[in-house]
Amino acid sequence: MVVIRLTRMGTKHRPFYRIVTTDKRRPRESRYIDLIGYYNPMREKPEIKIDLDKYNEWIKKGAKPSETVKSLIKKVKSEN
C-alpha cells in the first residue's frame, strides 16, 4: 500500500520535512517513490510547498495521505 507522508530532514532541533509517497511498510527516513513537496515549520510563517498535480495523481492511483499531510493540503488549498 502506498502512502503520502512526511519524512524528516534537517538537524537536531531544526526539523525540515519532505512530503513523499512511499510504501507503508518502509521506515520514515528510508527510500521513497516520489517527492511531492516540502514543509518547513521553522520559519516565522511555516513554509509549505506541494505539487497539487502530483498529489492528485497519487490519490487517483489509490495512495492514502497521512493525517498531517491532509491538514497541510487543507492549508495550501485555503491559501489559494
PDB file of N, CA and C in Angstrom:
ATOM      1  N   MET A   1       0.837  -1.183   0.000  1.00  0.00           N
ATOM      2  CA  MET A   1       0.000   0.000   0.000  1.00  0.00           C
ATOM      3  C   MET A   1       0.885   1.249   0.000  1.00  0.00           C
ATOM      4  N   VAL A   2       0.538   2.205  -0.845  1.00  0.00           N
ATOM      5  CA  VAL A   2       1.304   3.447  -0.965  1.00  0.00           C
ATOM      6  C   VAL A   2       0.646   4.515  -0.095  1.00  0.00           C
ATOM      7  N   VAL A   3       1.485   5.251   0.644  1.00  0.00           N
ATOM      8  CA  VAL A   3       1.000   6.333   1.488  1.00  0.00           C
ATOM      9  C   VAL A   3       1.746   7.620   1.141  1.00  0.00           C
ATOM     10  N   ILE A   4       1.096   8.739   1.426  1.00  0.00           N
ATOM     11  CA  ILE A   4       1.718  10.055   1.270  1.00  0.00           C
ATOM     12  C   ILE A   4       1.968  10.560   2.679  1.00  0.00           C
ATOM     13  N   ARG A   5       3.235  10.777   3.020  1.00  0.00           N
ATOM     14  CA  ARG A   5       3.573  11.177   4.391  1.00  0.00           C
ATOM     15  C   ARG A   5       4.811  12.060   4.414  1.00  0.00           C
ATOM     16  N   LEU A   6       5.148  12.509   5.609  1.00  0.00           N
ATOM     17  CA  LEU A   6       6.328  13.353   5.798  1.00  0.00           C
ATOM     18  C   LEU A   6       7.536  12.487   6.106  1.00  0.00           C
ATOM     19  N   THR A   7       8.679  12.896   5.611  1.00  0.00           N
ATOM     20  CA  THR A   7       9.942  12.283   6.003  1.00  0.00           C
ATOM     21  C   THR A   7      10.813  13.402   6.556  1.00  0.00           C
ATOM     22  N   ARG A   8      11.422  13.167   7.707  1.00  0.00           N
ATOM     23  CA  ARG A   8      12.157  14.219   8.392  1.00  0.00           C
ATOM     24  C   ARG A   8      13.556  14.391   7.822  1.00  0.00           C
ATOM     25  N   MET A   9      13.921  15.658   7.663  1.00  0.00           N
ATOM     26  CA  MET A   9      15.260  16.026   7.222  1.00  0.00           C
ATOM     27  C   MET A   9      15.770  17.056   8.235  1.00  0.00           C
ATOM     28  N   GLY A  10      16.885  17.665   7.957  1.00  0.00           N
ATOM     29  CA  GLY A  10      17.398  18.715   8.836  1.00  0.00           C
ATOM     30  C   GLY A  10      18.221  18.164   9.982  1.00  0.00           C
ATOM     31  N   THR A  11      18.611  19.058  10.884  1.00  0.00           N
ATOM     32  CA  THR A  11      19.461  18.672  12.007  1.00  0.00           C
ATOM     33  C   THR A  11      18.651  18.628  13.297  1.00  0.00           C
ATOM     34  N   LYS A  12      19.325  18.296  14.361  1.00  0.00           N
ATOM     35  CA  LYS A  12      18.681  18.254  15.667  1.00  0.00           C
ATOM     36  C   LYS A  12      18.135  19.638  16.019  1.00  0.00           C
ATOM     37  N   HIS A  13      16.900  19.690  16.461  1.00  0.00           N
ATOM     38  CA  HIS A  13      16.198  20.923  16.849  1.00  0.00           C
ATOM     39  C   HIS A  13      15.917  21.861  15.676  1.00  0.00           C
ATOM     40  N   ARG A  14      16.176  21.437  14.446  1.00  0.00           N
ATOM     41  CA  ARG A  14      15.907  22.238  13.240  1.00  0.00           C
ATOM     42  C   ARG A  14      15.240  21.354  12.184  1.00  0.00           C
ATOM     43  N   PRO A  15      14.030  20.860  12.445  1.00  0.00           N
ATOM     44  CA  PRO A  15      13.412  19.922  11.504  1.00  0.00           C
ATOM     45  C   PRO A  15      12.974  20.586  10.199  1.00  0.00           C
ATOM     46  N   PHE A  16      12.999  19.791   9.164  1.00  0.00           N
ATOM     47  CA  PHE A  16      12.555  20.162   7.828  1.00  0.00           C
ATOM     48  C   PHE A  16      11.963  18.882   7.256  1.00  0.00           C
ATOM     49  N   TYR A  17      10.809  18.953   6.638  1.00  0.00           N
ATOM     50  CA  TYR A  17      10.135  17.741   6.186  1.00  0.00           C
ATOM     51  C   TYR A  17       9.912  17.747   4.680  1.00  0.00           C
ATOM     52  N   ARG A  18      10.069  16.580   4.068  1.00  0.00           N
ATOM     53  CA  ARG A  18       9.693  16.380   2.677  1.00  0.00           C
ATOM     54  C   ARG A  18       8.370  15.634   2.668  1.00  0.00           C
ATOM     55  N   ILE A  19       7.520  15.960   1.721  1.00  0.00           N
ATOM     56  CA  ILE A  19       6.252  15.251   1.547  1.00  0.00           C
ATOM     57  C   ILE A  19       6.486  14.260   0.414  1.00  0.00           C
ATOM     58  N   VAL A  20       6.404  12.974   0.730  1.00  0.00           N
ATOM     59  CA  VAL A  20       6.768  11.926  -0.218  1.00  0.00           C
ATOM     60  C   VAL A  20       5.703  10.843  -0.298  1.00  0.00           C
ATOM     61  N   THR A  21       5.767  10.064  -1.383  1.00  0.00           N
ATOM     62  CA  THR A  21       4.967   8.850  -1.472  1.00  0.00           C
ATOM     63  C   THR A  21       5.921   7.691  -1.232  1.00  0.00           C
ATOM     64  N   THR A  22       5.471   6.744  -0.434  1.00  0.00           N
ATOM     65  CA  THR A  22       6.317   5.610  -0.094  1.00  0.00           C
ATOM     66  C   THR A  22       5.461   4.401   0.264  1.00  0.00           C
ATOM     67  N   ASP A  23       6.095   3.257   0.340  1.00  0.00           N
ATOM     68  CA  ASP A  23       5.412   2.051   0.787  1.00  0.00           C
ATOM     69  C   ASP A  23       5.162   2.179   2.291  1.00  0.00           C
ATOM     70  N   LYS A  24       3.987   1.798   2.727  1.00  0.00           N
ATOM     71  CA  LYS A  24       3.599   1.947   4.136  1.00  0.00           C
ATOM     72  C   LYS A  24       4.541   1.199   5.084  1.00  0.00           C
ATOM     73  N   ARG A  25       5.114   0.096   4.623  1.00  0.00           N
ATOM     74  CA  ARG A  25       5.947  -0.748   5.496  1.00  0.00           C
ATOM     75  C   ARG A  25       7.365  -0.224   5.677  1.00  0.00           C
ATOM     76  N   ARG A  26       7.776   0.753   4.888  1.00  0.00           N
ATOM     77  CA  ARG A  26       9.142   1.281   4.989  1.00  0.00           C
ATOM     78  C   ARG A  26       9.285   2.234   6.173  1.00  0.00           C
ATOM     79  N   PRO A  27      10.483   2.311   6.755  1.00  0.00           N
ATOM     80  CA  PRO A  27      10.736   3.276   7.837  1.00  0.00           C
ATOM     81  C   PRO A  27      10.603   4.722   7.345  1.00  0.00           C
ATOM     82  N   ARG A  28      10.440   5.645   8.261  1.00  0.00           N
ATOM     83  CA  ARG A  28      10.176   7.041   7.931  1.00  0.00           C
ATOM     84  C   ARG A  28      11.259   7.679   7.055  1.00  0.00           C
ATOM     85  N   GLU A  29      12.519   7.447   7.339  1.00  0.00           N
ATOM     86  CA  GLU A  29      13.601   8.088   6.589  1.00  0.00           C
ATOM     87  C   GLU A  29      14.211   7.199   5.516  1.00  0.00           C
ATOM     88  N   SER A  30      13.489   6.209   5.039  1.00  0.00           N
ATOM     89  CA  SER A  30      14.050   5.329   4.025  1.00  0.00           C
ATOM     90  C   SER A  30      13.730   5.845   2.622  1.00  0.00           C
ATOM     91  N   ARG A  31      13.999   5.022   1.609  1.00  0.00           N
ATOM     92  CA  ARG A  31      13.750   5.421   0.226  1.00  0.00           C
ATOM     93  C   ARG A  31      12.276   5.742   0.006  1.00  0.00           C
ATOM     94  N   TYR A  32      12.030   6.613  -0.943  1.00  0.00           N
ATOM     95  CA  TYR A  32      10.654   6.967  -1.270  1.00  0.00           C
ATOM     96  C   TYR A  32      10.447   6.822  -2.772  1.00  0.00           C
ATOM     97  N   ILE A  33       9.189   6.799  -3.185  1.00  0.00           N
ATOM     98  CA  ILE A  33       8.847   6.627  -4.590  1.00  0.00           C
ATOM     99  C   ILE A  33       8.891   7.959  -5.327  1.00  0.00           C
ATOM    100  N   ASP A  34       8.250   8.973  -4.765  1.00  0.00           N
ATOM    101  CA  ASP A  34       8.147  10.263  -5.435  1.00  0.00           C
ATOM    102  C   ASP A  34       8.155  11.394  -4.402  1.00  0.00           C
ATOM    103  N   LEU A  35       8.834  12.474  -4.737  1.00  0.00           N
ATOM    104  CA  LEU A  35       8.869  13.673  -3.891  1.00  0.00           C
ATOM    105  C   LEU A  35       7.780  14.622  -4.384  1.00  0.00           C
ATOM    106  N   ILE A  36       6.844  14.960  -3.491  1.00  0.00           N
ATOM    107  CA  ILE A  36       5.704  15.794  -3.861  1.00  0.00           C
ATOM    108  C   ILE A  36       5.894  17.244  -3.426  1.00  0.00           C
ATOM    109  N   GLY A  37       6.575  17.467  -2.312  1.00  0.00           N
ATOM    110  CA  GLY A  37       6.757  18.828  -1.831  1.00  0.00           C
ATOM    111  C   GLY A  37       7.567  18.853  -0.552  1.00  0.00           C
ATOM    112  N   TYR A  38       7.485  19.975   0.161  1.00  0.00           N
ATOM    113  CA  TYR A  38       8.211  20.091   1.428  1.00  0.00           C
ATOM    114  C   TYR A  38       7.434  20.972   2.401  1.00  0.00           C
ATOM    115  N   TYR A  39       7.819  20.878   3.672  1.00  0.00           N
ATOM    116  CA  TYR A  39       7.203  21.644   4.746  1.00  0.00           C
ATOM    117  C   TYR A  39       8.308  22.076   5.697  1.00  0.00           C
ATOM    118  N   ASN A  40       8.443  23.396   5.893  1.00  0.00           N
ATOM    119  CA  ASN A  40       9.459  23.937   6.796  1.00  0.00           C
ATOM    120  C   ASN A  40       8.760  24.673   7.941  1.00  0.00           C
ATOM    121  N   PRO A  41       8.619  24.022   9.111  1.00  0.00           N
ATOM    122  CA  PRO A  41       7.927  24.649  10.237  1.00  0.00           C
ATOM    123  C   PRO A  41       8.776  25.656  11.005  1.00  0.00           C
ATOM    124  N   MET A  42      10.053  25.777  10.681  1.00  0.00           N
ATOM    125  CA  MET A  42      10.952  26.627  11.454  1.00  0.00           C
ATOM    126  C   MET A  42      10.910  28.100  11.019  1.00  0.00           C
ATOM    127  N   ARG A  43      10.243  28.415   9.975  1.00  0.00           N
ATOM    128  CA  ARG A  43      10.107  29.802   9.543  1.00  0.00           C
ATOM    129  C   ARG A  43       9.110  30.521  10.443  1.00  0.00           C
ATOM    130  N   GLU A  44       9.137  31.845  10.420  1.00  0.00           N
ATOM    131  CA  GLU A  44       8.171  32.625  11.207  1.00  0.00           C
ATOM    132  C   GLU A  44       6.748  32.276  10.766  1.00  0.00           C
ATOM    133  N   LYS A  45       6.542  32.218   9.453  1.00  0.00           N
ATOM    134  CA  LYS A  45       5.284  31.711   8.892  1.00  0.00           C
ATOM    135  C   LYS A  45       5.669  30.395   8.213  1.00  0.00           C
ATOM    136  N   PRO A  46       5.246  29.244   8.750  1.00  0.00           N
ATOM    137  CA  PRO A  46       5.677  27.961   8.186  1.00  0.00           C
ATOM    138  C   PRO A  46       5.496  27.894   6.672  1.00  0.00           C
ATOM    139  N   GLU A  47       6.525  27.385   6.008  1.00  0.00           N
ATOM    140  CA  GLU A  47       6.547  27.332   4.547  1.00  0.00           C
ATOM    141  C   GLU A  47       6.088  25.959   4.071  1.00  0.00           C
ATOM    142  N   ILE A  48       5.064  25.942   3.208  1.00  0.00           N
ATOM    143  CA  ILE A  48       4.528  24.694   2.680  1.00  0.00           C
ATOM    144  C   ILE A  48       4.511  24.809   1.162  1.00  0.00           C
ATOM    145  N   LYS A  49       5.143  23.856   0.480  1.00  0.00           N
ATOM    146  CA  LYS A  49       5.141  23.833  -0.989  1.00  0.00           C
ATOM    147  C   LYS A  49       4.768  22.422  -1.410  1.00  0.00           C
ATOM    148  N   ILE A  50       3.622  22.294  -2.115  1.00  0.00           N
ATOM    149  CA  ILE A  50       3.151  20.986  -2.548  1.00  0.00           C
ATOM    150  C   ILE A  50       2.755  21.064  -4.014  1.00  0.00           C
ATOM    151  N   ASP A  51       3.193  20.086  -4.797  1.00  0.00           N
ATOM    152  CA  ASP A  51       2.784  19.971  -6.196  1.00  0.00           C
ATOM    153  C   ASP A  51       1.424  19.271  -6.204  1.00  0.00           C
ATOM    154  N   LEU A  52       0.350  20.053  -6.306  1.00  0.00           N
ATOM    155  CA  LEU A  52      -1.006  19.505  -6.219  1.00  0.00           C
ATOM    156  C   LEU A  52      -1.332  18.565  -7.371  1.00  0.00           C
ATOM    157  N   ASP A  53      -0.707  18.767  -8.543  1.00  0.00           N
ATOM    158  CA  ASP A  53      -0.940  17.853  -9.661  1.00  0.00           C
ATOM    159  C   ASP A  53      -0.437  16.448  -9.325  1.00  0.00           C
ATOM    160  N   LYS A  54       0.789  16.380  -8.777  1.00  0.00           N
ATOM    161  CA  LYS A  54       1.335  15.080  -8.371  1.00  0.00           C
ATOM    162  C   LYS A  54       0.501  14.463  -7.250  1.00  0.00           C
ATOM    163  N   TYR A  55       0.107  15.300  -6.290  1.00  0.00           N
ATOM    164  CA  TYR A  55      -0.701  14.820  -5.172  1.00  0.00           C
ATOM    165  C   TYR A  55      -1.997  14.185  -5.682  1.00  0.00           C
ATOM    166  N   ASN A  56      -2.711  14.903  -6.548  1.00  0.00           N
ATOM    167  CA  ASN A  56      -3.974  14.389  -7.082  1.00  0.00           C
ATOM    168  C   ASN A  56      -3.767  13.122  -7.910  1.00  0.00           C
ATOM    169  N   GLU A  57      -2.654  13.067  -8.634  1.00  0.00           N
ATOM    170  CA  GLU A  57      -2.337  11.876  -9.435  1.00  0.00           C
ATOM    171  C   GLU A  57      -2.161  10.648  -8.530  1.00  0.00           C
ATOM    172  N   TRP A  58      -1.448  10.828  -7.413  1.00  0.00           N
ATOM    173  CA  TRP A  58      -1.229   9.712  -6.494  1.00  0.00           C
ATOM    174  C   TRP A  58      -2.513   9.310  -5.773  1.00  0.00           C
ATOM    175  N   ILE A  59      -3.361  10.275  -5.469  1.00  0.00           N
ATOM    176  CA  ILE A  59      -4.653   9.965  -4.831  1.00  0.00           C
ATOM    177  C   ILE A  59      -5.504   9.121  -5.785  1.00  0.00           C
ATOM    178  N   LYS A  60      -5.500   9.477  -7.071  1.00  0.00           N
ATOM    179  CA  LYS A  60      -6.240   8.698  -8.072  1.00  0.00           C
ATOM    180  C   LYS A  60      -5.719   7.271  -8.177  1.00  0.00           C
ATOM    181  N   LYS A  61      -4.410   7.096  -7.953  1.00  0.00           N
ATOM    182  CA  LYS A  61      -3.806   5.758  -8.012  1.00  0.00           C
ATOM    183  C   LYS A  61      -4.073   4.953  -6.751  1.00  0.00           C
ATOM    184  N   GLY A  62      -4.646   5.587  -5.718  1.00  0.00           N
ATOM    185  CA  GLY A  62      -5.004   4.863  -4.503  1.00  0.00           C
ATOM    186  C   GLY A  62      -4.124   5.120  -3.298  1.00  0.00           C
ATOM    187  N   ALA A  63      -3.223   6.087  -3.372  1.00  0.00           N
ATOM    188  CA  ALA A  63      -2.365   6.409  -2.224  1.00  0.00           C
ATOM    189  C   ALA A  63      -3.208   7.071  -1.134  1.00  0.00           C
ATOM    190  N   LYS A  64      -2.893   6.763   0.110  1.00  0.00           N
ATOM    191  CA  LYS A  64      -3.604   7.327   1.261  1.00  0.00           C
ATOM    192  C   LYS A  64      -2.716   8.355   1.951  1.00  0.00           C
ATOM    193  N   PRO A  65      -3.180   9.606   2.106  1.00  0.00           N
ATOM    194  CA  PRO A  65      -2.377  10.609   2.815  1.00  0.00           C
ATOM    195  C   PRO A  65      -2.484  10.435   4.331  1.00  0.00           C
ATOM    196  N   SER A  66      -1.411  10.785   5.038  1.00  0.00           N
ATOM    197  CA  SER A  66      -1.442  10.754   6.498  1.00  0.00           C
ATOM    198  C   SER A  66      -2.280  11.926   6.996  1.00  0.00           C
ATOM    199  N   GLU A  67      -2.639  11.913   8.266  1.00  0.00           N
ATOM    200  CA  GLU A  67      -3.447  12.995   8.847  1.00  0.00           C
ATOM    201  C   GLU A  67      -2.723  14.337   8.740  1.00  0.00           C
ATOM    202  N   THR A  68      -1.419  14.337   8.962  1.00  0.00           N
ATOM    203  CA  THR A  68      -0.640  15.575   8.889  1.00  0.00           C
ATOM    204  C   THR A  68      -0.641  16.126   7.464  1.00  0.00           C
ATOM    205  N   VAL A  69      -0.457  15.247   6.497  1.00  0.00           N
ATOM    206  CA  VAL A  69      -0.460  15.686   5.100  1.00  0.00           C
ATOM    207  C   VAL A  69      -1.840  16.229   4.721  1.00  0.00           C
ATOM    208  N   LYS A  70      -2.897  15.589   5.193  1.00  0.00           N
ATOM    209  CA  LYS A  70      -4.252  16.089   4.919  1.00  0.00           C
ATOM    210  C   LYS A  70      -4.416  17.516   5.430  1.00  0.00           C
ATOM    211  N   SER A  71      -3.924  17.779   6.646  1.00  0.00           N
ATOM    212  CA  SER A  71      -4.062  19.122   7.214  1.00  0.00           C
ATOM    213  C   SER A  71      -3.215  20.133   6.442  1.00  0.00           C
ATOM    214  N   LEU A  72      -2.035  19.733   5.974  1.00  0.00           N
ATOM    215  CA  LEU A  72      -1.196  20.641   5.185  1.00  0.00           C
ATOM    216  C   LEU A  72      -1.852  20.953   3.842  1.00  0.00           C
ATOM    217  N   ILE A  73      -2.483  19.969   3.232  1.00  0.00           N
ATOM    218  CA  ILE A  73      -3.182  20.165   1.965  1.00  0.00           C
ATOM    219  C   ILE A  73      -4.324  21.152   2.146  1.00  0.00           C
ATOM    220  N   LYS A  74      -5.060  21.021   3.255  1.00  0.00           N
ATOM    221  CA  LYS A  74      -6.158  21.958   3.540  1.00  0.00           C
ATOM    222  C   LYS A  74      -5.622  23.388   3.630  1.00  0.00           C
ATOM    223  N   LYS A  75      -4.477  23.569   4.301  1.00  0.00           N
ATOM    224  CA  LYS A  75      -3.884  24.901   4.445  1.00  0.00           C
ATOM    225  C   LYS A  75      -3.484  25.472   3.089  1.00  0.00           C
ATOM    226  N   VAL A  76      -2.877  24.626   2.238  1.00  0.00           N
ATOM    227  CA  VAL A  76      -2.431  25.083   0.932  1.00  0.00           C
ATOM    228  C   VAL A  76      -3.641  25.471   0.078  1.00  0.00           C
ATOM    229  N   LYS A  77      -4.679  24.657   0.101  1.00  0.00           N
ATOM    230  CA  LYS A  77      -5.870  24.948  -0.718  1.00  0.00           C
ATOM    231  C   LYS A  77      -6.609  26.196  -0.220  1.00  0.00           C
ATOM    232  N   SER A  78      -6.611  26.430   1.092  1.00  0.00           N
ATOM    233  CA  SER A  78      -7.288  27.618   1.621  1.00  0.00           C
ATOM    234  C   SER A  78      -6.522  28.902   1.284  1.00  0.00           C
ATOM    235  N   GLU A  79      -5.204  28.809   1.122  1.00  0.00           N
ATOM    236  CA  GLU A  79      -4.395  29.976   0.770  1.00  0.00           C
ATOM    237  C   GLU A  79      -4.598  30.366  -0.688  1.00  0.00           C
ATOM    238  N   ASN A  80      -4.902  29.390  -1.533  1.00  0.00           N
ATOM    239  CA  ASN A  80      -5.065  29.684  -2.983  1.00  0.00           C
ATOM    240  C   ASN A  80      -6.433  30.154  -3.308  1.00  0.00           C
TER     241      ASN A  80
END
